[in-house]
Amino acid sequence: MLKATGSGKLILSSYGAIHEINLAPGEKYIVDTGHFVAFDECLGFVVKRIGGLKSTLLSGEGLVVELTGPGKALLQTRSTDAFLSWLIPKLPKHNN
């Protein structure tokens, strides 16, 4: 994770659109780690595993973030995995 502090504009990059959520005090929200972009420092978070340990270790999938308000989080509408799944079949094949 990176921490940004100071004043001025911060430029973020994402796969897809940025969706902003605002959580009230104590409100919880669960999001796949592949869609998590940024969050307020005051927002609580816990990374949790879903599914089996084998799938988590071998594929990196199966991790979610449970957010707890108050605070704001920015989510991306597409994940890196979804982008790569779309892109890789479109790449030219090299014949050796």
PDB file of N, CA and C in Angstrom:
ATOM      1  N   MET A   1       0.830  -1.175   0.000  1.00  0.00           N
ATOM      2  CA  MET A   1       0.000   0.000   0.000  1.00  0.00           C
ATOM      3  C   MET A   1       0.875   1.240   0.000  1.00  0.00           C
ATOM      4  N   LEU A   2       0.387   2.268  -0.626  1.00  0.00           N
ATOM      5  CA  LEU A   2       1.051   3.559  -0.628  1.00  0.00           C
ATOM      6  C   LEU A   2       0.209   4.546   0.153  1.00  0.00           C
ATOM      7  N   LYS A   3       0.864   5.469   0.850  1.00  0.00           N
ATOM      8  CA  LYS A   3       0.151   6.496   1.595  1.00  0.00           C
ATOM      9  C   LYS A   3       0.470   7.850   0.973  1.00  0.00           C
ATOM     10  N   ALA A   4      -0.564   8.606   0.644  1.00  0.00           N
ATOM     11  CA  ALA A   4      -0.397   9.947   0.084  1.00  0.00           C
ATOM     12  C   ALA A   4      -0.836  10.968   1.125  1.00  0.00           C
ATOM     13  N   THR A   5       0.009  11.957   1.380  1.00  0.00           N
ATOM     14  CA  THR A   5      -0.324  13.026   2.319  1.00  0.00           C
ATOM     15  C   THR A   5       0.017  14.367   1.693  1.00  0.00           C
ATOM     16  N   GLY A   6      -0.467  15.414   2.312  1.00  0.00           N
ATOM     17  CA  GLY A   6      -0.159  16.760   1.841  1.00  0.00           C
ATOM     18  C   GLY A   6      -1.367  17.423   1.216  1.00  0.00           C
ATOM     19  N   SER A   7      -1.118  18.515   0.547  1.00  0.00           N
ATOM     20  CA  SER A   7      -2.205  19.246  -0.109  1.00  0.00           C
ATOM     21  C   SER A   7      -1.972  19.234  -1.608  1.00  0.00           C
ATOM     22  N   GLY A   8      -3.039  19.424  -2.347  1.00  0.00           N
ATOM     23  CA  GLY A   8      -2.945  19.417  -3.798  1.00  0.00           C
ATOM     24  C   GLY A   8      -3.739  18.272  -4.386  1.00  0.00           C
ATOM     25  N   LYS A   9      -3.602  18.087  -5.685  1.00  0.00           N
ATOM     26  CA  LYS A   9      -4.351  17.048  -6.388  1.00  0.00           C
ATOM     27  C   LYS A   9      -3.559  15.748  -6.407  1.00  0.00           C
ATOM     28  N   LEU A  10      -4.293  14.657  -6.328  1.00  0.00           N
ATOM     29  CA  LEU A  10      -3.719  13.329  -6.422  1.00  0.00           C
ATOM     30  C   LEU A  10      -4.332  12.659  -7.643  1.00  0.00           C
ATOM     31  N   ILE A  11      -3.494  12.114  -8.494  1.00  0.00           N
ATOM     32  CA  ILE A  11      -3.975  11.447  -9.701  1.00  0.00           C
ATOM     33  C   ILE A  11      -3.885   9.940  -9.489  1.00  0.00           C
ATOM     34  N   LEU A  12      -5.010   9.262  -9.719  1.00  0.00           N
ATOM     35  CA  LEU A  12      -5.091   7.810  -9.572  1.00  0.00           C
ATOM     36  C   LEU A  12      -5.380   7.183 -10.927  1.00  0.00           C
ATOM     37  N   SER A  13      -4.984   5.950 -11.078  1.00  0.00           N
ATOM     38  CA  SER A  13      -5.276   5.193 -12.282  1.00  0.00           C
ATOM     39  C   SER A  13      -6.124   3.983 -11.900  1.00  0.00           C
ATOM     40  N   SER A  14      -7.010   3.575 -12.788  1.00  0.00           N
ATOM     41  CA  SER A  14      -7.849   2.419 -12.478  1.00  0.00           C
ATOM     42  C   SER A  14      -8.205   1.689 -13.759  1.00  0.00           C
ATOM     43  N   TYR A  15      -8.711   0.477 -13.596  1.00  0.00           N
ATOM     44  CA  TYR A  15      -9.261  -0.294 -14.698  1.00  0.00           C
ATOM     45  C   TYR A  15     -10.767  -0.079 -14.653  1.00  0.00           C
ATOM     46  N   GLY A  16     -11.274   0.712 -15.571  1.00  0.00           N
ATOM     47  CA  GLY A  16     -12.693   1.041 -15.559  1.00  0.00           C
ATOM     48  C   GLY A  16     -12.923   2.341 -14.821  1.00  0.00           C
ATOM     49  N   ALA A  17     -14.161   2.583 -14.486  1.00  0.00           N
ATOM     50  CA  ALA A  17     -14.549   3.820 -13.812  1.00  0.00           C
ATOM     51  C   ALA A  17     -14.275   3.724 -12.316  1.00  0.00           C
ATOM     52  N   ILE A  18     -14.153   4.876 -11.681  1.00  0.00           N
ATOM     53  CA  ILE A  18     -13.998   4.949 -10.231  1.00  0.00           C
ATOM     54  C   ILE A  18     -15.380   5.137  -9.624  1.00  0.00           C
ATOM     55  N   HIS A  19     -15.700   4.306  -8.648  1.00  0.00           N
ATOM     56  CA  HIS A  19     -16.981   4.370  -7.930  1.00  0.00           C
ATOM     57  C   HIS A  19     -16.664   4.760  -6.492  1.00  0.00           C
ATOM     58  N   GLU A  20     -17.235   5.850  -6.033  1.00  0.00           N
ATOM     59  CA  GLU A  20     -16.993   6.335  -4.664  1.00  0.00           C
ATOM     60  C   GLU A  20     -18.094   5.844  -3.732  1.00  0.00           C
ATOM     61  N   ILE A  21     -17.688   5.304  -2.579  1.00  0.00           N
ATOM     62  CA  ILE A  21     -18.673   4.932  -1.566  1.00  0.00           C
ATOM     63  C   ILE A  21     -18.348   5.687  -0.286  1.00  0.00           C
ATOM     64  N   ASN A  22     -19.376   6.145   0.398  1.00  0.00           N
ATOM     65  CA  ASN A  22     -19.231   6.841   1.676  1.00  0.00           C
ATOM     66  C   ASN A  22     -19.914   6.004   2.746  1.00  0.00           C
ATOM     67  N   LEU A  23     -19.150   5.594   3.744  1.00  0.00           N
ATOM     68  CA  LEU A  23     -19.686   4.750   4.801  1.00  0.00           C
ATOM     69  C   LEU A  23     -19.938   5.560   6.060  1.00  0.00           C
ATOM     70  N   ALA A  24     -21.088   5.339   6.664  1.00  0.00           N
ATOM     71  CA  ALA A  24     -21.439   5.980   7.939  1.00  0.00           C
ATOM     72  C   ALA A  24     -20.676   5.285   9.063  1.00  0.00           C
ATOM     73  N   PRO A  25     -20.592   5.893  10.234  1.00  0.00           N
ATOM     74  CA  PRO A  25     -19.909   5.243  11.359  1.00  0.00           C
ATOM     75  C   PRO A  25     -20.474   3.849  11.626  1.00  0.00           C
ATOM     76  N   GLY A  26     -19.591   2.849  11.664  1.00  0.00           N
ATOM     77  CA  GLY A  26     -19.991   1.476  11.936  1.00  0.00           C
ATOM     78  C   GLY A  26     -20.520   0.706  10.736  1.00  0.00           C
ATOM     79  N   GLU A  27     -20.813   1.395   9.638  1.00  0.00           N
ATOM     80  CA  GLU A  27     -21.320   0.724   8.438  1.00  0.00           C
ATOM     81  C   GLU A  27     -20.204  -0.115   7.817  1.00  0.00           C
ATOM     82  N   LYS A  28     -20.544  -1.325   7.351  1.00  0.00           N
ATOM     83  CA  LYS A  28     -19.557  -2.232   6.762  1.00  0.00           C
ATOM     84  C   LYS A  28     -19.838  -2.421   5.275  1.00  0.00           C
ATOM     85  N   TYR A  29     -18.770  -2.686   4.531  1.00  0.00           N
ATOM     86  CA  TYR A  29     -18.868  -2.921   3.092  1.00  0.00           C
ATOM     87  C   TYR A  29     -17.750  -3.894   2.722  1.00  0.00           C
ATOM     88  N   ILE A  30     -18.067  -4.942   1.974  1.00  0.00           N
ATOM     89  CA  ILE A  30     -17.065  -5.930   1.573  1.00  0.00           C
ATOM     90  C   ILE A  30     -16.835  -5.807   0.070  1.00  0.00           C
ATOM     91  N   VAL A  31     -15.551  -5.759  -0.308  1.00  0.00           N
ATOM     92  CA  VAL A  31     -15.188  -5.603  -1.717  1.00  0.00           C
ATOM     93  C   VAL A  31     -14.012  -6.531  -2.038  1.00  0.00           C
ATOM     94  N   ASP A  32     -14.001  -7.067  -3.245  1.00  0.00           N
ATOM     95  CA  ASP A  32     -12.888  -7.878  -3.730  1.00  0.00           C
ATOM     96  C   ASP A  32     -11.638  -6.998  -3.800  1.00  0.00           C
ATOM     97  N   THR A  33     -10.492  -7.539  -3.399  1.00  0.00           N
ATOM     98  CA  THR A  33      -9.259  -6.746  -3.383  1.00  0.00           C
ATOM     99  C   THR A  33      -8.891  -6.222  -4.771  1.00  0.00           C
ATOM    100  N   GLY A  34      -9.312  -6.911  -5.824  1.00  0.00           N
ATOM    101  CA  GLY A  34      -9.014  -6.466  -7.179  1.00  0.00           C
ATOM    102  C   GLY A  34      -9.757  -5.209  -7.594  1.00  0.00           C
ATOM    103  N   HIS A  35     -10.746  -4.803  -6.814  1.00  0.00           N
ATOM    104  CA  HIS A  35     -11.526  -3.602  -7.142  1.00  0.00           C
ATOM    105  C   HIS A  35     -11.220  -2.434  -6.199  1.00  0.00           C
ATOM    106  N   PHE A  36     -10.366  -2.648  -5.243  1.00  0.00           N
ATOM    107  CA  PHE A  36     -10.055  -1.655  -4.207  1.00  0.00           C
ATOM    108  C   PHE A  36      -8.958  -0.724  -4.715  1.00  0.00           C
ATOM    109  N   VAL A  37      -9.207   0.595  -4.705  1.00  0.00           N
ATOM    110  CA  VAL A  37      -8.240   1.563  -5.229  1.00  0.00           C
ATOM    111  C   VAL A  37      -7.651   2.426  -4.116  1.00  0.00           C
ATOM    112  N   ALA A  38      -8.496   3.109  -3.351  1.00  0.00           N
ATOM    113  CA  ALA A  38      -8.004   4.037  -2.334  1.00  0.00           C
ATOM    114  C   ALA A  38      -9.068   4.221  -1.256  1.00  0.00           C
ATOM    115  N   PHE A  39      -8.627   4.750  -0.087  1.00  0.00           N
ATOM    116  CA  PHE A  39      -9.573   4.962   1.007  1.00  0.00           C
ATOM    117  C   PHE A  39      -9.039   6.013   1.963  1.00  0.00           C
ATOM    118  N   ASP A  40      -9.972   6.630   2.697  1.00  0.00           N
ATOM    119  CA  ASP A  40      -9.600   7.575   3.745  1.00  0.00           C
ATOM    120  C   ASP A  40      -8.853   6.841   4.850  1.00  0.00           C
ATOM    121  N   GLU A  41      -7.901   7.531   5.455  1.00  0.00           N
ATOM    122  CA  GLU A  41      -7.126   6.928   6.535  1.00  0.00           C
ATOM    123  C   GLU A  41      -8.000   6.538   7.728  1.00  0.00           C
ATOM    124  N   CYS A  42      -9.102   7.250   7.932  1.00  0.00           N
ATOM    125  CA  CYS A  42      -9.983   6.972   9.070  1.00  0.00           C
ATOM    126  C   CYS A  42     -10.853   5.732   8.854  1.00  0.00           C
ATOM    127  N   LEU A  43     -10.916   5.211   7.644  1.00  0.00           N
ATOM    128  CA  LEU A  43     -11.737   4.044   7.333  1.00  0.00           C
ATOM    129  C   LEU A  43     -11.040   2.781   7.839  1.00  0.00           C
ATOM    130  N   GLY A  44     -11.757   1.969   8.596  1.00  0.00           N
ATOM    131  CA  GLY A  44     -11.193   0.717   9.075  1.00  0.00           C
ATOM    132  C   GLY A  44     -11.234  -0.330   7.980  1.00  0.00           C
ATOM    133  N   PHE A  45     -10.242  -1.226   7.964  1.00  0.00           N
ATOM    134  CA  PHE A  45     -10.253  -2.297   6.964  1.00  0.00           C
ATOM    135  C   PHE A  45      -9.579  -3.546   7.506  1.00  0.00           C
ATOM    136  N   VAL A  46     -10.080  -4.689   7.035  1.00  0.00           N
ATOM    137  CA  VAL A  46      -9.511  -5.994   7.366  1.00  0.00           C
ATOM    138  C   VAL A  46      -9.525  -6.813   6.084  1.00  0.00           C
ATOM    139  N   VAL A  47      -8.387  -7.405   5.726  1.00  0.00           N
ATOM    140  CA  VAL A  47      -8.321  -8.294   4.570  1.00  0.00           C
ATOM    141  C   VAL A  47      -8.696  -9.691   5.052  1.00  0.00           C
ATOM    142  N   LYS A  48      -9.628 -10.315   4.333  1.00  0.00           N
ATOM    143  CA  LYS A  48     -10.116 -11.637   4.719  1.00  0.00           C
ATOM    144  C   LYS A  48     -10.012 -12.585   3.532  1.00  0.00           C
ATOM    145  N   ARG A  49      -9.894 -13.873   3.851  1.00  0.00           N
ATOM    146  CA  ARG A  49      -9.850 -14.905   2.834  1.00  0.00           C
ATOM    147  C   ARG A  49     -11.236 -15.527   2.705  1.00  0.00           C
ATOM    148  N   ILE A  50     -11.650 -15.742   1.458  1.00  0.00           N
ATOM    149  CA  ILE A  50     -12.878 -16.490   1.208  1.00  0.00           C
ATOM    150  C   ILE A  50     -12.506 -17.673   0.335  1.00  0.00           C
ATOM    151  N   GLY A  51     -13.231 -18.738   0.426  1.00  0.00           N
ATOM    152  CA  GLY A  51     -12.886 -19.933  -0.338  1.00  0.00           C
ATOM    153  C   GLY A  51     -11.773 -20.709   0.341  1.00  0.00           C
ATOM    154  N   GLY A  52     -11.183 -21.618  -0.401  1.00  0.00           N
ATOM    155  CA  GLY A  52     -10.156 -22.491   0.157  1.00  0.00           C
ATOM    156  C   GLY A  52      -8.775 -21.870   0.159  1.00  0.00           C
ATOM    157  N   LEU A  53      -7.934 -22.348   1.042  1.00  0.00           N
ATOM    158  CA  LEU A  53      -6.557 -21.875   1.150  1.00  0.00           C
ATOM    159  C   LEU A  53      -5.779 -22.157  -0.127  1.00  0.00           C
ATOM    160  N   LYS A  54      -5.994 -23.314  -0.736  1.00  0.00           N
ATOM    161  CA  LYS A  54      -5.283 -23.689  -1.955  1.00  0.00           C
ATOM    162  C   LYS A  54      -5.562 -22.686  -3.075  1.00  0.00           C
ATOM    163  N   SER A  55      -6.823 -22.324  -3.288  1.00  0.00           N
ATOM    164  CA  SER A  55      -7.155 -21.381  -4.360  1.00  0.00           C
ATOM    165  C   SER A  55      -6.588 -19.999  -4.071  1.00  0.00           C
ATOM    166  N   THR A  56      -6.551 -19.607  -2.808  1.00  0.00           N
ATOM    167  CA  THR A  56      -6.001 -18.308  -2.445  1.00  0.00           C
ATOM    168  C   THR A  56      -4.498 -18.268  -2.723  1.00  0.00           C
ATOM    169  N   LEU A  57      -3.780 -19.295  -2.324  1.00  0.00           N
ATOM    170  CA  LEU A  57      -2.326 -19.324  -2.497  1.00  0.00           C
ATOM    171  C   LEU A  57      -1.911 -19.476  -3.949  1.00  0.00           C
ATOM    172  N   LEU A  58      -2.599 -20.329  -4.701  1.00  0.00           N
ATOM    173  CA  LEU A  58      -2.190 -20.612  -6.071  1.00  0.00           C
ATOM    174  C   LEU A  58      -2.648 -19.567  -7.078  1.00  0.00           C
ATOM    175  N   SER A  59      -3.785 -18.951  -6.849  1.00  0.00           N
ATOM    176  CA  SER A  59      -4.306 -18.007  -7.838  1.00  0.00           C
ATOM    177  C   SER A  59      -4.320 -16.568  -7.353  1.00  0.00           C
ATOM    178  N   GLY A  60      -4.180 -16.346  -6.045  1.00  0.00           N
ATOM    179  CA  GLY A  60      -4.263 -14.986  -5.527  1.00  0.00           C
ATOM    180  C   GLY A  60      -5.699 -14.525  -5.387  1.00  0.00           C
ATOM    181  N   GLU A  61      -6.641 -15.373  -5.811  1.00  0.00           N
ATOM    182  CA  GLU A  61      -8.044 -15.005  -5.691  1.00  0.00           C
ATOM    183  C   GLU A  61      -8.555 -15.433  -4.325  1.00  0.00           C
ATOM    184  N   GLY A  62      -9.709 -14.943  -3.984  1.00  0.00           N
ATOM    185  CA  GLY A  62     -10.299 -15.342  -2.727  1.00  0.00           C
ATOM    186  C   GLY A  62     -10.005 -14.387  -1.589  1.00  0.00           C
ATOM    187  N   LEU A  63      -9.488 -13.201  -1.898  1.00  0.00           N
ATOM    188  CA  LEU A  63      -9.248 -12.199  -0.865  1.00  0.00           C
ATOM    189  C   LEU A  63     -10.234 -11.055  -1.031  1.00  0.00           C
ATOM    190  N   VAL A  64     -10.809 -10.630   0.074  1.00  0.00           N
ATOM    191  CA  VAL A  64     -11.712  -9.484   0.086  1.00  0.00           C
ATOM    192  C   VAL A  64     -11.262  -8.523   1.177  1.00  0.00           C
ATOM    193  N   VAL A  65     -11.736  -7.299   1.087  1.00  0.00           N
ATOM    194  CA  VAL A  65     -11.478  -6.300   2.114  1.00  0.00           C
ATOM    195  C   VAL A  65     -12.811  -5.936   2.747  1.00  0.00           C
ATOM    196  N   GLU A  66     -12.890  -6.041   4.073  1.00  0.00           N
ATOM    197  CA  GLU A  66     -14.078  -5.591   4.792  1.00  0.00           C
ATOM    198  C   GLU A  66     -13.777  -4.203   5.327  1.00  0.00           C
ATOM    199  N   LEU A  67     -14.505  -3.213   4.831  1.00  0.00           N
ATOM    200  CA  LEU A  67     -14.335  -1.826   5.237  1.00  0.00           C
ATOM    201  C   LEU A  67     -15.332  -1.491   6.335  1.00  0.00           C
ATOM    202  N   THR A  68     -14.919  -0.640   7.255  1.00  0.00           N
ATOM    203  CA  THR A  68     -15.813  -0.179   8.311  1.00  0.00           C
ATOM    204  C   THR A  68     -15.714   1.335   8.408  1.00  0.00           C
ATOM    205  N   GLY A  69     -16.883   2.005   8.321  1.00  0.00           N
ATOM    206  CA  GLY A  69     -16.943   3.455   8.365  1.00  0.00           C
ATOM    207  C   GLY A  69     -16.739   4.009   9.750  1.00  0.00           C
ATOM    208  N   PRO A  70     -16.527   5.299   9.841  1.00  0.00           N
ATOM    209  CA  PRO A  70     -16.840   6.275   8.802  1.00  0.00           C
ATOM    210  C   PRO A  70     -15.669   6.483   7.847  1.00  0.00           C
ATOM    211  N   GLY A  71     -16.006   6.883   6.637  1.00  0.00           N
ATOM    212  CA  GLY A  71     -14.985   7.237   5.669  1.00  0.00           C
ATOM    213  C   GLY A  71     -15.414   6.952   4.244  1.00  0.00           C
ATOM    214  N   LYS A  72     -14.527   7.329   3.332  1.00  0.00           N
ATOM    215  CA  LYS A  72     -14.794   7.202   1.902  1.00  0.00           C
ATOM    216  C   LYS A  72     -13.798   6.226   1.299  1.00  0.00           C
ATOM    217  N   ALA A  73     -14.257   5.414   0.346  1.00  0.00           N
ATOM    218  CA  ALA A  73     -13.390   4.504  -0.403  1.00  0.00           C
ATOM    219  C   ALA A  73     -13.656   4.684  -1.887  1.00  0.00           C
ATOM    220  N   LEU A  74     -12.617   4.462  -2.678  1.00  0.00           N
ATOM    221  CA  LEU A  74     -12.730   4.513  -4.127  1.00  0.00           C
ATOM    222  C   LEU A  74     -12.514   3.101  -4.668  1.00  0.00           C
ATOM    223  N   LEU A  75     -13.453   2.641  -5.489  1.00  0.00           N
ATOM    224  CA  LEU A  75     -13.409   1.305  -6.065  1.00  0.00           C
ATOM    225  C   LEU A  75     -13.363   1.419  -7.576  1.00  0.00           C
ATOM    226  N   GLN A  76     -12.721   0.459  -8.236  1.00  0.00           N
ATOM    227  CA  GLN A  76     -12.709   0.450  -9.699  1.00  0.00           C
ATOM    228  C   GLN A  76     -13.721  -0.572 -10.199  1.00  0.00           C
ATOM    229  N   THR A  77     -14.354  -0.251 -11.312  1.00  0.00           N
ATOM    230  CA  THR A  77     -15.423  -1.113 -11.812  1.00  0.00           C
ATOM    231  C   THR A  77     -14.904  -2.378 -12.468  1.00  0.00           C
ATOM    232  N   ARG A  78     -13.625  -2.406 -12.851  1.00  0.00           N
ATOM    233  CA  ARG A  78     -13.020  -3.607 -13.426  1.00  0.00           C
ATOM    234  C   ARG A  78     -11.782  -3.947 -12.627  1.00  0.00           C
ATOM    235  N   SER A  79     -11.392  -5.200 -12.640  1.00  0.00           N
ATOM    236  CA  SER A  79     -10.195  -5.609 -11.922  1.00  0.00           C
ATOM    237  C   SER A  79      -9.058  -5.874 -12.904  1.00  0.00           C
ATOM    238  N   THR A  80      -7.853  -5.948 -12.392  1.00  0.00           N
ATOM    239  CA  THR A  80      -6.692  -6.277 -13.217  1.00  0.00           C
ATOM    240  C   THR A  80      -6.884  -7.636 -13.877  1.00  0.00           C
ATOM    241  N   ASP A  81      -7.396  -8.609 -13.121  1.00  0.00           N
ATOM    242  CA  ASP A  81      -7.625  -9.944 -13.669  1.00  0.00           C
ATOM    243  C   ASP A  81      -8.617  -9.917 -14.820  1.00  0.00           C
ATOM    244  N   ALA A  82      -9.689  -9.155 -14.678  1.00  0.00           N
ATOM    245  CA  ALA A  82     -10.686  -9.062 -15.752  1.00  0.00           C
ATOM    246  C   ALA A  82     -10.072  -8.420 -16.995  1.00  0.00           C
ATOM    247  N   PHE A  83      -9.245  -7.394 -16.796  1.00  0.00           N
ATOM    248  CA  PHE A  83      -8.588  -6.730 -17.921  1.00  0.00           C
ATOM    249  C   PHE A  83      -7.648  -7.701 -18.640  1.00  0.00           C
ATOM    250  N   LEU A  84      -6.831  -8.434 -17.889  1.00  0.00           N
ATOM    251  CA  LEU A  84      -5.897  -9.376 -18.497  1.00  0.00           C
ATOM    252  C   LEU A  84      -6.623 -10.522 -19.188  1.00  0.00           C
ATOM    253  N   SER A  85      -7.725 -10.989 -18.615  1.00  0.00           N
ATOM    254  CA  SER A  85      -8.519 -12.052 -19.242  1.00  0.00           C
ATOM    255  C   SER A  85      -9.073 -11.597 -20.585  1.00  0.00           C
ATOM    256  N   TRP A  86      -9.383 -10.316 -20.709  1.00  0.00           N
ATOM    257  CA  TRP A  86      -9.871  -9.757 -21.966  1.00  0.00           C
ATOM    258  C   TRP A  86      -8.718  -9.545 -22.945  1.00  0.00           C
ATOM    259  N   LEU A  87      -7.577  -9.046 -22.450  1.00  0.00           N
ATOM    260  CA  LEU A  87      -6.460  -8.650 -23.300  1.00  0.00           C
ATOM    261  C   LEU A  87      -5.664  -9.824 -23.861  1.00  0.00           C
ATOM    262  N   ILE A  88      -5.308 -10.780 -23.043  1.00  0.00           N
ATOM    263  CA  ILE A  88      -4.387 -11.849 -23.452  1.00  0.00           C
ATOM    264  C   ILE A  88      -4.857 -12.615 -24.693  1.00  0.00           C
ATOM    265  N   PRO A  89      -6.138 -12.982 -24.808  1.00  0.00           N
ATOM    266  CA  PRO A  89      -6.555 -13.686 -26.038  1.00  0.00           C
ATOM    267  C   PRO A  89      -6.428 -12.821 -27.301  1.00  0.00           C
ATOM    268  N   LYS A  90      -6.368 -11.511 -27.146  1.00  0.00           N
ATOM    269  CA  LYS A  90      -6.281 -10.614 -28.300  1.00  0.00           C
ATOM    270  C   LYS A  90      -4.846 -10.348 -28.742  1.00  0.00           C
ATOM    271  N   LEU A  91      -3.863 -10.740 -27.932  1.00  0.00           N
ATOM    272  CA  LEU A  91      -2.471 -10.519 -28.292  1.00  0.00           C
ATOM    273  C   LEU A  91      -2.059 -11.432 -29.439  1.00  0.00           C
ATOM    274  N   PRO A  92      -1.178 -10.915 -30.327  1.00  0.00           N
ATOM    275  CA  PRO A  92      -0.733 -11.763 -31.443  1.00  0.00           C
ATOM    276  C   PRO A  92       0.063 -12.964 -30.952  1.00  0.00           C
ATOM    277  N   LYS A  93      -0.105 -14.073 -31.628  1.00  0.00           N
ATOM    278  CA  LYS A  93       0.612 -15.296 -31.305  1.00  0.00           C
ATOM    279  C   LYS A  93       1.935 -15.300 -32.084  1.00  0.00           C
ATOM    280  N   HIS A  94       3.021 -15.654 -31.416  1.00  0.00           N
ATOM    281  CA  HIS A  94       4.315 -15.735 -32.069  1.00  0.00           C
ATOM    282  C   HIS A  94       4.617 -17.188 -32.431  1.00  0.00           C
ATOM    283  N   ASN A  95       4.957 -17.431 -33.679  1.00  0.00           N
ATOM    284  CA  ASN A  95       5.341 -18.780 -34.125  1.00  0.00           C
ATOM    285  C   ASN A  95       6.851 -18.884 -34.111  1.00  0.00           C
ATOM    286  N   ASN A  96       7.375 -19.840 -33.397  1.00  0.00           N
ATOM    287  CA  ASN A  96       8.837 -20.016 -33.326  1.00  0.00           C
ATOM    288  C   ASN A  96       9.297 -21.059 -34.299  1.00  0.00           C
TER     289      ASN A  96
END
